[in-house]
Amino acid sequence: MASSILESAARYEASSIAPLTEALEAGIAKGVFDLELSLGVVRLYQLYPAQVNKETLALVLSQLLLFPSQQAFLLASYMLPASLKSEAPFTTIFAMSDLFETGQFAELQKKKTELSAITDRIQNFDITLAEAVVSVLSLTYKSIAAEELAGLAGQPTDALDAIVAKFSGTISGATVSFEQTVMAEKPATSDHLDFQRIASALLSK
């Protein structure tokens, strides 16, 4: 049902807020990331500010934080009124975005505890955030102490193996090494074009 709404003129109608929100929250609870649905709900909140559900909006933005390569959080932020960004919990969400973008990962892990009431509703939030952090560090460090990486990723050292392996990393003793000749994959052209299509549709009046 959600996809049929998003593919029709109904995506701009207030009556679509309830079914799209329901579909979105159900997906987030299962760990599903649906870029078009997330941005569609944010756009409806932009069009009908009196119907904004701040709890749902915070949930959406918190999940978008986990996928920085998609640029979705940035796009969603353009659709929010400035006044909302100064309210809790949005101040924390935007602070986390800034900390990630500036590479202050230790502070990021501390800040995320302020958002636990929301992030606990997002399946695998902590591990997905850790993967986003390690994806950046794998391009920055050839090697790093496992204990330091664990602190920056917000995960215990014994949970690092599966994470670093996703980014051509290996753990030997107390050291994590990354093969930097293998760069992180760039989004396929079709993915990039799909994002541009979504962005254009959502930002158009």
N, C-alpha and C. Protein backbone atom coordinates (compact mmCIF):
# COMPACT_ATOMS: atom_id res chain seq x y z
N MET A 1 0.82 -1.21 0.00
CA MET A 1 0.00 0.00 0.00
C MET A 1 0.86 1.26 0.00
N ALA A 2 1.92 1.25 0.81
CA ALA A 2 2.80 2.42 0.89
C ALA A 2 3.40 2.75 -0.46
N SER A 3 3.86 1.72 -1.19
CA SER A 3 4.49 1.97 -2.48
C SER A 3 3.51 2.56 -3.48
N SER A 4 2.25 2.10 -3.44
CA SER A 4 1.26 2.64 -4.37
C SER A 4 0.95 4.10 -4.06
N ILE A 5 0.99 4.46 -2.78
CA ILE A 5 0.77 5.86 -2.41
C ILE A 5 1.93 6.73 -2.90
N LEU A 6 3.14 6.25 -2.68
CA LEU A 6 4.33 7.02 -3.06
C LEU A 6 4.46 7.19 -4.56
N GLU A 7 3.83 6.31 -5.32
CA GLU A 7 3.91 6.37 -6.78
C GLU A 7 2.76 7.15 -7.40
N SER A 8 1.91 7.72 -6.55
CA SER A 8 0.76 8.47 -7.06
C SER A 8 0.72 9.88 -6.47
N ALA A 9 -0.24 10.67 -6.93
CA ALA A 9 -0.40 12.03 -6.41
C ALA A 9 -0.80 12.03 -4.94
N ALA A 10 -1.22 10.90 -4.43
CA ALA A 10 -1.64 10.79 -3.03
C ALA A 10 -0.47 11.01 -2.08
N ARG A 11 0.76 10.94 -2.60
CA ARG A 11 1.91 11.13 -1.73
C ARG A 11 1.98 12.56 -1.17
N TYR A 12 1.18 13.46 -1.75
CA TYR A 12 1.15 14.84 -1.27
C TYR A 12 -0.10 15.14 -0.43
N GLU A 13 -0.93 14.13 -0.20
CA GLU A 13 -2.19 14.35 0.50
C GLU A 13 -2.06 14.06 2.00
N ALA A 14 -2.72 14.86 2.81
CA ALA A 14 -2.67 14.69 4.26
C ALA A 14 -3.19 13.33 4.69
N SER A 15 -4.13 12.79 3.94
CA SER A 15 -4.70 11.49 4.29
C SER A 15 -3.70 10.35 4.18
N SER A 16 -2.56 10.62 3.54
CA SER A 16 -1.54 9.59 3.38
C SER A 16 -0.59 9.52 4.57
N ILE A 17 -0.65 10.50 5.44
CA ILE A 17 0.28 10.53 6.57
C ILE A 17 0.13 9.28 7.44
N ALA A 18 -1.09 8.94 7.82
CA ALA A 18 -1.32 7.81 8.71
C ALA A 18 -0.82 6.48 8.14
N PRO A 19 -1.23 6.09 6.91
CA PRO A 19 -0.78 4.79 6.38
C PRO A 19 0.73 4.74 6.11
N LEU A 20 1.29 5.85 5.66
CA LEU A 20 2.73 5.86 5.41
C LEU A 20 3.52 5.80 6.71
N THR A 21 3.04 6.49 7.72
CA THR A 21 3.70 6.46 9.03
C THR A 21 3.64 5.06 9.63
N GLU A 22 2.49 4.43 9.50
CA GLU A 22 2.34 3.07 10.02
C GLU A 22 3.31 2.11 9.34
N ALA A 23 3.41 2.21 8.01
CA ALA A 23 4.32 1.35 7.26
C ALA A 23 5.77 1.64 7.62
N LEU A 24 6.08 2.90 7.80
CA LEU A 24 7.45 3.30 8.13
C LEU A 24 7.86 2.76 9.50
N GLU A 25 7.03 2.96 10.49
CA GLU A 25 7.36 2.52 11.84
C GLU A 25 7.48 1.00 11.92
N ALA A 26 6.64 0.29 11.18
CA ALA A 26 6.71 -1.17 11.15
C ALA A 26 8.03 -1.62 10.55
N GLY A 27 8.45 -0.94 9.48
CA GLY A 27 9.71 -1.29 8.84
C GLY A 27 10.91 -1.00 9.72
N ILE A 28 10.91 0.15 10.37
CA ILE A 28 12.02 0.53 11.25
C ILE A 28 12.17 -0.48 12.38
N ALA A 29 11.05 -0.93 12.93
CA ALA A 29 11.08 -1.90 14.02
C ALA A 29 11.73 -3.21 13.59
N LYS A 30 11.66 -3.50 12.27
CA LYS A 30 12.24 -4.73 11.73
C LYS A 30 13.65 -4.50 11.17
N GLY A 31 14.13 -3.27 11.28
CA GLY A 31 15.45 -2.97 10.76
C GLY A 31 15.48 -2.69 9.28
N VAL A 32 14.32 -2.38 8.70
CA VAL A 32 14.24 -2.10 7.26
C VAL A 32 14.48 -0.61 7.02
N PHE A 33 15.35 -0.30 6.06
CA PHE A 33 15.60 1.09 5.68
C PHE A 33 14.98 1.34 4.32
N ASP A 34 13.98 2.20 4.29
CA ASP A 34 13.29 2.55 3.04
C ASP A 34 13.45 4.05 2.83
N LEU A 35 14.39 4.41 1.98
CA LEU A 35 14.72 5.82 1.76
C LEU A 35 13.53 6.61 1.25
N GLU A 36 12.85 6.09 0.25
CA GLU A 36 11.75 6.83 -0.36
C GLU A 36 10.60 7.02 0.64
N LEU A 37 10.30 5.99 1.41
CA LEU A 37 9.23 6.09 2.39
C LEU A 37 9.59 7.07 3.50
N SER A 38 10.83 7.02 3.96
CA SER A 38 11.27 7.93 5.02
C SER A 38 11.15 9.38 4.60
N LEU A 39 11.67 9.67 3.42
CA LEU A 39 11.63 11.05 2.94
C LEU A 39 10.21 11.47 2.57
N GLY A 40 9.40 10.50 2.16
CA GLY A 40 8.01 10.81 1.85
C GLY A 40 7.25 11.26 3.08
N VAL A 41 7.50 10.62 4.20
CA VAL A 41 6.84 11.01 5.45
C VAL A 41 7.32 12.38 5.90
N VAL A 42 8.62 12.62 5.80
CA VAL A 42 9.16 13.93 6.19
C VAL A 42 8.57 15.03 5.32
N ARG A 43 8.43 14.74 4.03
CA ARG A 43 7.86 15.74 3.12
C ARG A 43 6.41 16.07 3.50
N LEU A 44 5.65 15.06 3.87
CA LEU A 44 4.27 15.29 4.28
C LEU A 44 4.21 16.14 5.56
N TYR A 45 5.14 15.91 6.45
CA TYR A 45 5.21 16.74 7.65
C TYR A 45 5.55 18.18 7.30
N GLN A 46 6.36 18.34 6.26
CA GLN A 46 6.69 19.69 5.80
C GLN A 46 5.45 20.38 5.24
N LEU A 47 4.66 19.62 4.50
CA LEU A 47 3.47 20.19 3.87
C LEU A 47 2.34 20.44 4.87
N TYR A 48 2.29 19.60 5.90
CA TYR A 48 1.21 19.71 6.90
C TYR A 48 1.80 19.77 8.30
N PRO A 49 2.45 20.88 8.65
CA PRO A 49 3.15 20.99 9.94
C PRO A 49 2.27 20.76 11.16
N ALA A 50 0.98 21.03 11.04
CA ALA A 50 0.08 20.83 12.17
C ALA A 50 -0.10 19.35 12.49
N GLN A 51 0.27 18.48 11.55
CA GLN A 51 0.10 17.04 11.75
C GLN A 51 1.42 16.32 12.03
N VAL A 52 2.44 17.08 12.32
CA VAL A 52 3.74 16.47 12.62
C VAL A 52 3.67 15.65 13.89
N ASN A 53 4.10 14.41 13.79
CA ASN A 53 4.26 13.55 14.96
C ASN A 53 5.75 13.59 15.30
N LYS A 54 6.10 14.33 16.32
CA LYS A 54 7.51 14.54 16.64
C LYS A 54 8.23 13.24 17.01
N GLU A 55 7.52 12.33 17.63
CA GLU A 55 8.13 11.05 18.00
C GLU A 55 8.51 10.25 16.75
N THR A 56 7.59 10.23 15.78
CA THR A 56 7.87 9.52 14.53
C THR A 56 8.98 10.22 13.76
N LEU A 57 8.94 11.52 13.71
CA LEU A 57 9.97 12.28 13.00
C LEU A 57 11.34 12.03 13.60
N ALA A 58 11.42 12.00 14.92
CA ALA A 58 12.70 11.72 15.59
C ALA A 58 13.18 10.32 15.26
N LEU A 59 12.25 9.39 15.17
CA LEU A 59 12.58 8.01 14.83
C LEU A 59 13.15 7.94 13.42
N VAL A 60 12.51 8.64 12.50
CA VAL A 60 12.96 8.65 11.10
C VAL A 60 14.36 9.25 10.99
N LEU A 61 14.56 10.40 11.58
CA LEU A 61 15.85 11.08 11.49
C LEU A 61 16.96 10.26 12.13
N SER A 62 16.64 9.59 13.23
CA SER A 62 17.64 8.76 13.90
C SER A 62 18.08 7.61 13.02
N GLN A 63 17.14 7.03 12.28
CA GLN A 63 17.53 5.96 11.37
C GLN A 63 18.33 6.49 10.19
N LEU A 64 17.96 7.67 9.70
CA LEU A 64 18.70 8.25 8.58
C LEU A 64 20.16 8.54 8.93
N LEU A 65 20.42 8.76 10.22
CA LEU A 65 21.80 8.98 10.67
C LEU A 65 22.70 7.79 10.33
N LEU A 66 22.11 6.62 10.25
CA LEU A 66 22.89 5.40 10.07
C LEU A 66 23.39 5.19 8.65
N PHE A 67 22.92 6.01 7.72
CA PHE A 67 23.26 5.81 6.32
C PHE A 67 23.80 7.11 5.71
N PRO A 68 24.94 7.58 6.22
CA PRO A 68 25.48 8.87 5.76
C PRO A 68 25.79 8.91 4.28
N SER A 69 26.15 7.78 3.68
CA SER A 69 26.48 7.79 2.25
C SER A 69 25.27 8.09 1.38
N GLN A 70 24.07 7.89 1.92
CA GLN A 70 22.86 8.16 1.15
C GLN A 70 22.50 9.65 1.11
N GLN A 71 23.11 10.45 1.99
CA GLN A 71 22.83 11.88 2.08
C GLN A 71 21.37 12.18 2.46
N ALA A 72 20.68 11.14 2.92
CA ALA A 72 19.25 11.29 3.21
C ALA A 72 19.00 12.19 4.41
N PHE A 73 19.86 12.11 5.41
CA PHE A 73 19.67 12.96 6.59
C PHE A 73 19.77 14.43 6.20
N LEU A 74 20.73 14.74 5.37
CA LEU A 74 20.90 16.12 4.92
C LEU A 74 19.66 16.60 4.16
N LEU A 75 19.16 15.76 3.27
CA LEU A 75 17.98 16.13 2.50
C LEU A 75 16.78 16.33 3.41
N ALA A 76 16.59 15.41 4.37
CA ALA A 76 15.47 15.52 5.30
C ALA A 76 15.57 16.80 6.13
N SER A 77 16.78 17.18 6.50
CA SER A 77 16.97 18.37 7.32
C SER A 77 16.53 19.64 6.60
N TYR A 78 16.64 19.63 5.26
CA TYR A 78 16.21 20.78 4.48
C TYR A 78 14.70 20.98 4.55
N MET A 79 13.99 19.92 4.86
CA MET A 79 12.53 19.99 4.89
C MET A 79 11.97 20.29 6.27
N LEU A 80 12.85 20.49 7.25
CA LEU A 80 12.40 20.76 8.61
C LEU A 80 12.44 22.25 8.92
N PRO A 81 11.46 22.75 9.64
CA PRO A 81 11.52 24.16 10.06
C PRO A 81 12.66 24.38 11.04
N ALA A 82 13.30 25.53 10.94
CA ALA A 82 14.45 25.82 11.80
C ALA A 82 14.09 25.73 13.28
N SER A 83 12.88 26.11 13.63
CA SER A 83 12.47 26.10 15.03
C SER A 83 12.49 24.69 15.62
N LEU A 84 12.17 23.71 14.81
CA LEU A 84 12.12 22.33 15.28
C LEU A 84 13.50 21.81 15.64
N LYS A 85 14.51 22.29 14.93
CA LYS A 85 15.87 21.81 15.14
C LYS A 85 16.43 22.22 16.50
N SER A 86 15.80 23.19 17.15
CA SER A 86 16.26 23.64 18.45
C SER A 86 15.51 22.98 19.60
N GLU A 87 14.62 22.04 19.26
CA GLU A 87 13.84 21.34 20.28
C GLU A 87 14.43 19.96 20.55
N ALA A 88 14.26 19.48 21.78
CA ALA A 88 14.63 18.10 22.09
C ALA A 88 13.57 17.17 21.50
N PRO A 89 13.95 16.00 20.99
CA PRO A 89 15.29 15.42 20.95
C PRO A 89 16.07 15.78 19.69
N PHE A 90 15.53 16.71 18.89
CA PHE A 90 16.17 17.02 17.61
C PHE A 90 17.53 17.68 17.78
N THR A 91 17.72 18.41 18.87
CA THR A 91 19.04 18.99 19.12
C THR A 91 20.09 17.89 19.24
N THR A 92 19.72 16.80 19.90
CA THR A 92 20.65 15.68 20.06
C THR A 92 20.90 14.98 18.74
N ILE A 93 19.86 14.80 17.96
CA ILE A 93 19.99 14.13 16.66
C ILE A 93 20.92 14.92 15.74
N PHE A 94 20.74 16.23 15.69
CA PHE A 94 21.58 17.06 14.83
C PHE A 94 23.01 17.15 15.38
N ALA A 95 23.15 17.10 16.69
CA ALA A 95 24.49 17.08 17.28
C ALA A 95 25.21 15.80 16.89
N MET A 96 24.50 14.69 16.89
CA MET A 96 25.11 13.42 16.48
C MET A 96 25.54 13.47 15.02
N SER A 97 24.73 14.07 14.19
CA SER A 97 25.09 14.20 12.78
C SER A 97 26.37 15.01 12.63
N ASP A 98 26.46 16.11 13.36
CA ASP A 98 27.65 16.97 13.30
C ASP A 98 28.89 16.22 13.80
N LEU A 99 28.73 15.46 14.87
CA LEU A 99 29.86 14.71 15.43
C LEU A 99 30.35 13.65 14.46
N PHE A 100 29.42 13.01 13.76
CA PHE A 100 29.84 12.02 12.77
C PHE A 100 30.57 12.69 11.62
N GLU A 101 30.01 13.77 11.12
CA GLU A 101 30.59 14.45 9.97
C GLU A 101 31.98 15.00 10.27
N THR A 102 32.24 15.35 11.52
CA THR A 102 33.54 15.90 11.91
C THR A 102 34.47 14.85 12.50
N GLY A 103 34.04 13.60 12.48
CA GLY A 103 34.90 12.51 12.93
C GLY A 103 35.12 12.44 14.43
N GLN A 104 34.23 13.04 15.20
CA GLN A 104 34.36 12.99 16.66
C GLN A 104 33.58 11.79 17.19
N PHE A 105 34.12 10.61 16.90
CA PHE A 105 33.36 9.39 17.15
C PHE A 105 33.23 9.03 18.62
N ALA A 106 34.23 9.34 19.42
CA ALA A 106 34.13 9.06 20.85
C ALA A 106 33.01 9.88 21.47
N GLU A 107 32.93 11.15 21.07
CA GLU A 107 31.86 12.01 21.56
C GLU A 107 30.51 11.56 21.02
N LEU A 108 30.51 11.04 19.80
CA LEU A 108 29.29 10.53 19.20
C LEU A 108 28.70 9.40 20.04
N GLN A 109 29.57 8.50 20.48
CA GLN A 109 29.10 7.37 21.28
C GLN A 109 28.52 7.83 22.62
N LYS A 110 29.08 8.88 23.18
CA LYS A 110 28.55 9.42 24.43
C LYS A 110 27.19 10.08 24.18
N LYS A 111 27.11 10.82 23.10
CA LYS A 111 25.90 11.57 22.79
C LYS A 111 24.73 10.64 22.50
N LYS A 112 24.98 9.49 21.90
CA LYS A 112 23.89 8.60 21.49
C LYS A 112 23.11 8.07 22.68
N THR A 113 23.73 8.05 23.88
CA THR A 113 23.02 7.56 25.06
C THR A 113 21.84 8.46 25.42
N GLU A 114 21.92 9.72 24.99
CA GLU A 114 20.83 10.65 25.26
C GLU A 114 19.61 10.34 24.39
N LEU A 115 19.80 9.51 23.39
CA LEU A 115 18.74 9.22 22.43
C LEU A 115 18.21 7.79 22.56
N SER A 116 18.60 7.11 23.62
CA SER A 116 18.29 5.68 23.75
C SER A 116 16.80 5.37 23.71
N ALA A 117 15.97 6.26 24.22
CA ALA A 117 14.52 6.01 24.20
C ALA A 117 14.00 5.87 22.78
N ILE A 118 14.68 6.53 21.85
CA ILE A 118 14.28 6.47 20.44
C ILE A 118 15.04 5.37 19.71
N THR A 119 16.34 5.32 19.89
CA THR A 119 17.15 4.37 19.13
C THR A 119 16.90 2.92 19.54
N ASP A 120 16.40 2.70 20.75
CA ASP A 120 16.07 1.33 21.16
C ASP A 120 14.95 0.75 20.31
N ARG A 121 14.21 1.61 19.63
CA ARG A 121 13.11 1.16 18.76
C ARG A 121 13.60 0.83 17.34
N ILE A 122 14.86 1.12 17.08
CA ILE A 122 15.43 0.87 15.75
C ILE A 122 16.30 -0.37 15.83
N GLN A 123 15.88 -1.42 15.15
CA GLN A 123 16.61 -2.68 15.22
C GLN A 123 18.06 -2.50 14.76
N ASN A 124 18.98 -3.00 15.58
CA ASN A 124 20.42 -2.98 15.26
C ASN A 124 20.99 -1.57 15.11
N PHE A 125 20.42 -0.60 15.84
CA PHE A 125 20.91 0.77 15.71
C PHE A 125 22.40 0.85 16.07
N ASP A 126 22.77 0.31 17.22
CA ASP A 126 24.16 0.44 17.69
C ASP A 126 25.15 -0.21 16.74
N ILE A 127 24.82 -1.40 16.26
CA ILE A 127 25.76 -2.11 15.39
C ILE A 127 25.85 -1.43 14.03
N THR A 128 24.73 -0.89 13.54
CA THR A 128 24.76 -0.21 12.24
C THR A 128 25.53 1.10 12.34
N LEU A 129 25.38 1.79 13.46
CA LEU A 129 26.17 3.01 13.67
C LEU A 129 27.65 2.67 13.76
N ALA A 130 27.96 1.58 14.43
CA ALA A 130 29.36 1.14 14.54
C ALA A 130 29.94 0.87 13.16
N GLU A 131 29.16 0.23 12.30
CA GLU A 131 29.63 -0.06 10.95
C GLU A 131 29.86 1.22 10.15
N ALA A 132 29.01 2.22 10.35
CA ALA A 132 29.19 3.50 9.66
C ALA A 132 30.50 4.16 10.11
N VAL A 133 30.79 4.07 11.40
CA VAL A 133 32.02 4.65 11.94
C VAL A 133 33.24 3.90 11.41
N VAL A 134 33.19 2.58 11.44
CA VAL A 134 34.33 1.79 10.98
C VAL A 134 34.56 1.97 9.49
N SER A 135 33.48 2.20 8.73
CA SER A 135 33.64 2.42 7.30
C SER A 135 34.50 3.65 7.02
N VAL A 136 34.35 4.66 7.86
CA VAL A 136 35.16 5.88 7.72
C VAL A 136 36.60 5.61 8.18
N LEU A 137 36.73 4.98 9.33
CA LEU A 137 38.06 4.74 9.89
C LEU A 137 38.88 3.79 9.02
N SER A 138 38.20 2.89 8.31
CA SER A 138 38.93 1.95 7.46
C SER A 138 39.62 2.66 6.30
N LEU A 139 39.14 3.84 5.96
CA LEU A 139 39.75 4.63 4.90
C LEU A 139 40.79 5.61 5.45
N THR A 140 40.81 5.73 6.77
CA THR A 140 41.71 6.69 7.42
C THR A 140 42.93 6.01 8.01
N TYR A 141 42.73 4.84 8.59
CA TYR A 141 43.80 4.12 9.27
C TYR A 141 44.21 2.87 8.52
N LYS A 142 45.52 2.67 8.44
CA LYS A 142 46.02 1.39 7.94
C LYS A 142 45.98 0.37 9.07
N SER A 143 46.24 0.86 10.29
CA SER A 143 46.14 0.01 11.47
C SER A 143 45.77 0.87 12.67
N ILE A 144 45.10 0.26 13.62
CA ILE A 144 44.63 0.96 14.81
C ILE A 144 44.47 -0.07 15.93
N ALA A 145 44.71 0.36 17.14
CA ALA A 145 44.56 -0.55 18.28
C ALA A 145 43.10 -0.99 18.39
N ALA A 146 42.90 -2.28 18.60
CA ALA A 146 41.55 -2.82 18.68
C ALA A 146 40.75 -2.15 19.79
N GLU A 147 41.39 -1.88 20.91
CA GLU A 147 40.69 -1.25 22.03
C GLU A 147 40.24 0.16 21.66
N GLU A 148 41.08 0.90 20.93
CA GLU A 148 40.72 2.25 20.51
C GLU A 148 39.57 2.21 19.52
N LEU A 149 39.65 1.30 18.57
CA LEU A 149 38.59 1.17 17.57
C LEU A 149 37.26 0.80 18.24
N ALA A 150 37.34 -0.08 19.22
CA ALA A 150 36.13 -0.49 19.94
C ALA A 150 35.47 0.70 20.61
N GLY A 151 36.29 1.58 21.19
CA GLY A 151 35.75 2.77 21.85
C GLY A 151 35.11 3.72 20.85
N LEU A 152 35.75 3.91 19.71
CA LEU A 152 35.21 4.81 18.70
C LEU A 152 33.93 4.24 18.06
N ALA A 153 33.88 2.93 17.96
CA ALA A 153 32.71 2.29 17.34
C ALA A 153 31.61 2.00 18.36
N GLY A 154 31.93 2.14 19.63
CA GLY A 154 30.92 1.89 20.66
C GLY A 154 30.56 0.43 20.80
N GLN A 155 31.54 -0.45 20.53
CA GLN A 155 31.31 -1.89 20.62
C GLN A 155 32.42 -2.56 21.42
N PRO A 156 32.13 -3.68 22.08
CA PRO A 156 33.18 -4.41 22.78
C PRO A 156 34.18 -4.98 21.78
N THR A 157 35.41 -5.16 22.20
CA THR A 157 36.44 -5.65 21.28
C THR A 157 36.11 -7.00 20.68
N ASP A 158 35.42 -7.85 21.44
CA ASP A 158 35.10 -9.19 20.90
C ASP A 158 34.00 -9.16 19.86
N ALA A 159 33.43 -7.97 19.62
CA ALA A 159 32.39 -7.85 18.59
C ALA A 159 32.94 -7.22 17.31
N LEU A 160 34.23 -6.92 17.31
CA LEU A 160 34.81 -6.20 16.17
C LEU A 160 35.05 -7.06 14.94
N ASP A 161 35.32 -8.35 15.13
CA ASP A 161 35.70 -9.20 14.00
C ASP A 161 34.73 -9.10 12.83
N ALA A 162 33.46 -9.28 13.11
CA ALA A 162 32.46 -9.27 12.04
C ALA A 162 32.35 -7.91 11.40
N ILE A 163 32.54 -6.86 12.19
CA ILE A 163 32.41 -5.50 11.65
C ILE A 163 33.59 -5.16 10.74
N VAL A 164 34.81 -5.36 11.23
CA VAL A 164 35.99 -4.97 10.43
C VAL A 164 36.10 -5.82 9.18
N ALA A 165 35.61 -7.05 9.23
CA ALA A 165 35.68 -7.92 8.05
C ALA A 165 34.88 -7.34 6.89
N LYS A 166 33.85 -6.57 7.19
CA LYS A 166 33.04 -5.96 6.13
C LYS A 166 33.80 -4.87 5.38
N PHE A 167 34.89 -4.41 5.99
CA PHE A 167 35.66 -3.31 5.38
C PHE A 167 37.11 -3.73 5.14
N SER A 168 37.27 -4.99 4.75
CA SER A 168 38.58 -5.55 4.42
C SER A 168 39.57 -5.41 5.57
N GLY A 169 39.06 -5.60 6.78
CA GLY A 169 39.91 -5.49 7.96
C GLY A 169 40.15 -6.83 8.62
N THR A 170 41.27 -6.93 9.34
CA THR A 170 41.60 -8.14 10.08
C THR A 170 42.10 -7.74 11.46
N ILE A 171 41.93 -8.63 12.40
CA ILE A 171 42.40 -8.39 13.76
C ILE A 171 43.49 -9.41 14.08
N SER A 172 44.64 -8.89 14.49
CA SER A 172 45.75 -9.74 14.89
C SER A 172 46.22 -9.27 16.25
N GLY A 173 45.97 -10.08 17.25
CA GLY A 173 46.33 -9.68 18.59
C GLY A 173 45.51 -8.48 19.03
N ALA A 174 46.20 -7.40 19.35
CA ALA A 174 45.52 -6.18 19.82
C ALA A 174 45.43 -5.11 18.75
N THR A 175 45.68 -5.50 17.50
CA THR A 175 45.72 -4.52 16.41
C THR A 175 44.73 -4.88 15.30
N VAL A 176 44.07 -3.86 14.80
CA VAL A 176 43.18 -4.02 13.65
C VAL A 176 43.87 -3.42 12.44
N SER A 177 43.92 -4.15 11.35
CA SER A 177 44.55 -3.66 10.13
C SER A 177 43.53 -3.63 9.00
N PHE A 178 43.64 -2.59 8.18
CA PHE A 178 42.73 -2.45 7.04
C PHE A 178 43.54 -2.45 5.75
N GLU A 179 43.01 -3.13 4.75
CA GLU A 179 43.62 -3.15 3.43
C GLU A 179 43.09 -1.95 2.67
N GLN A 180 43.85 -0.88 2.64
CA GLN A 180 43.36 0.37 2.06
C GLN A 180 43.41 0.42 0.55
N THR A 181 43.98 -0.60 -0.08
CA THR A 181 43.95 -0.61 -1.54
C THR A 181 42.56 -0.99 -2.03
N VAL A 182 41.76 -1.56 -1.12
CA VAL A 182 40.38 -1.89 -1.46
C VAL A 182 39.49 -0.79 -0.93
N MET A 183 39.03 0.05 -1.81
CA MET A 183 38.23 1.20 -1.42
C MET A 183 36.78 0.79 -1.22
N ALA A 184 36.11 1.56 -0.39
CA ALA A 184 34.68 1.31 -0.18
C ALA A 184 33.95 1.48 -1.52
N GLU A 185 32.98 0.62 -1.77
CA GLU A 185 32.25 0.68 -3.03
C GLU A 185 31.42 1.95 -3.12
N LYS A 186 31.44 2.55 -4.28
CA LYS A 186 30.60 3.71 -4.52
C LYS A 186 29.22 3.22 -4.95
N PRO A 187 28.20 4.01 -4.68
CA PRO A 187 26.86 3.60 -5.12
C PRO A 187 26.84 3.42 -6.63
N ALA A 188 26.11 2.42 -7.07
CA ALA A 188 25.97 2.21 -8.51
C ALA A 188 25.30 3.42 -9.13
N THR A 189 25.55 3.64 -10.42
CA THR A 189 24.96 4.79 -11.09
C THR A 189 23.45 4.78 -10.96
N SER A 190 22.86 3.59 -11.07
CA SER A 190 21.40 3.50 -10.97
C SER A 190 20.93 3.94 -9.60
N ASP A 191 21.71 3.60 -8.53
CA ASP A 191 21.34 4.01 -7.18
C ASP A 191 21.41 5.52 -7.05
N HIS A 192 22.45 6.10 -7.65
CA HIS A 192 22.61 7.55 -7.57
C HIS A 192 21.46 8.24 -8.29
N LEU A 193 21.11 7.73 -9.45
CA LEU A 193 20.02 8.33 -10.21
C LEU A 193 18.70 8.17 -9.47
N ASP A 194 18.53 7.03 -8.80
CA ASP A 194 17.30 6.81 -8.05
C ASP A 194 17.20 7.81 -6.92
N PHE A 195 18.32 8.08 -6.24
CA PHE A 195 18.32 9.07 -5.17
C PHE A 195 17.97 10.44 -5.72
N GLN A 196 18.53 10.79 -6.86
CA GLN A 196 18.24 12.08 -7.46
C GLN A 196 16.77 12.19 -7.84
N ARG A 197 16.21 11.07 -8.31
CA ARG A 197 14.79 11.08 -8.67
C ARG A 197 13.95 11.33 -7.43
N ILE A 198 14.28 10.64 -6.34
CA ILE A 198 13.54 10.80 -5.09
C ILE A 198 13.66 12.23 -4.57
N ALA A 199 14.90 12.74 -4.57
CA ALA A 199 15.15 14.08 -4.05
C ALA A 199 14.38 15.12 -4.86
N SER A 200 14.43 14.99 -6.18
CA SER A 200 13.74 15.96 -7.04
C SER A 200 12.25 15.95 -6.80
N ALA A 201 11.70 14.75 -6.67
CA ALA A 201 10.25 14.62 -6.48
C ALA A 201 9.82 15.20 -5.14
N LEU A 202 10.62 14.95 -4.13
CA LEU A 202 10.23 15.37 -2.78
C LEU A 202 10.43 16.87 -2.54
N LEU A 203 11.41 17.44 -3.22
CA LEU A 203 11.69 18.85 -3.01
C LEU A 203 10.90 19.75 -3.96
N SER A 204 10.29 19.14 -4.96
CA SER A 204 9.51 19.95 -5.89
C SER A 204 8.21 20.38 -5.25
N LYS A 205 7.71 21.52 -5.64
CA LYS A 205 6.47 22.04 -5.07
C LYS A 205 5.28 21.62 -5.93
